[in-house]
Amino acid sequence: MNKHMLRLLASVRFSFALAVSSVLLAGAQASAQCPELTSGLERPLGITQTNQDNLLVAETGTAAPNTGRISIVDLNGNRRTLLAGLPSGINDVNEPSGPAGLFMRGRTLYAAIGVGDVGRPGPFPGTAVPNPNPPSSPIFSSVLAIHFSADVEKSTEGFTLSLPDQQALSRGEKVTLSNDGDNIEIKLVANFPDFTPNPLPFFPGNVRLSNPFDLVVVADQIYFTDGGQNMVRRVHIPTGSFSTLVAFPNIPNPLFGTIGGPFLEAVPTGIRYSDGQLLVTLFRGFPFPAGASQVQTIDPSTAAQAPFITGLKTAIDVLPIREGDDTDYLALQHASGPGPLITPPGLVLRFETPSVPPTLVANCLVRPTSMTLDKKTGTLYVTELVTGRIVAIPVAP
């Protein structure tokens, strides 16, 4: 059996297993440098802000099934539950997988749901097989539309989605939950294949799992990144039909011969829309060589793509900041330490243009996952995966 092939197969899933097991010695220092807004969140992956100034946070959940949650966090750090009982399950690298990216338009919140426990580790490193047991939810690898009023946002003590509710959603039914006179409506916009066949010469039963990570809404389309399938997909909101916009190829691993296989997978993560273009961060896979990660532009009408911000390491989100006719770009790096693998700290970098060296905004983060900017106060709110925190970072105009 080809050793290099096995290393390649292990690239993405093995990398996250390594990251989870690492001890972040910089944690105490990071806490001192990055002001904490709140803590105690359950592996937050996505964050956005409403027109009521609250933060909405997608939490992947705990080891228990269907403990995914979306929380409301006010700007004083007080947390309330908006919606609990969302799909989550332990994935093929023994991590919770559930709610991920969020996008708010009007009073409707769109939420990406990860792959959950539909797959299990295969017999060889880096391989996967379908879960022989029924998954914890029928709506993993999906996008939900959650509609709630401003009054609900201000006062709700939370709603809980049951497994029968999830089953109703999977059948295309709209679910309305009530609590003390408050109502929230939930609809399944699209349910994607949980995996696709990926046969190998030495293991024909191998599959490639999906993993929706982040999303953005443009007109009547949702564009979302699938870090497992290495693609950007689009969904037509009125019909729920979906298609592949871009499939990212592997690139050569510059550290091959020292560590890792011959190629790196794209692993698209964050996605935004700016000046008619999609901006997508390509996290890249194990062993995370410095300079291999980047921000890519994609024309949603033609699918043409090009490098935009290059030379990064573990880029996980990007945020355009527009002031008049000028646009700067914030790039969030999950880790930036020297050498291969995932080592702290996480960074926020500010680019006035993609070709000019960036300004360092923050180097005090512990495995950050997503960010949103409060334009009224100039405060950047960043979620941290393992610490369960949101940190608040002042950003100059």
Foldseek 3Di string as FASTA:
>chain_A
DDPLVLLQLQWFLVQVLVVVPDDFPLQVVLCVFFPFQEFDAAQWFEWEADPVGWIWTWHLADQDFQQTFIWTAHSNGDIATAEGSFGWAQDQSRDIFFWAAWDDDDQKIKIFTWLHHQWHADPGRNFIAGDPDDGSAPAHGFIKIKGFDPVCSVDPRYDYQDRVNRVCQNVQDWDWTDDPHGIMIMHTQAGDDQWAFDQDPVRRRTIFGWTWHYWDDDDQKIWTATQRQQFIKIARRVPSDIDTLDHDDWDADPCPVPDGHGTKGFRWAAWDDDPQWIWIWRQITPFFDFFQTFIKIARSVRRDIDTFATRHTRFHYKDWDDDPPFIKMWTWHQADDDDTRGHADIFIWIGSGRVDGTDTQDRSHHRWNYWYADVVQQWIWIAHRPRRTITIGHDDD
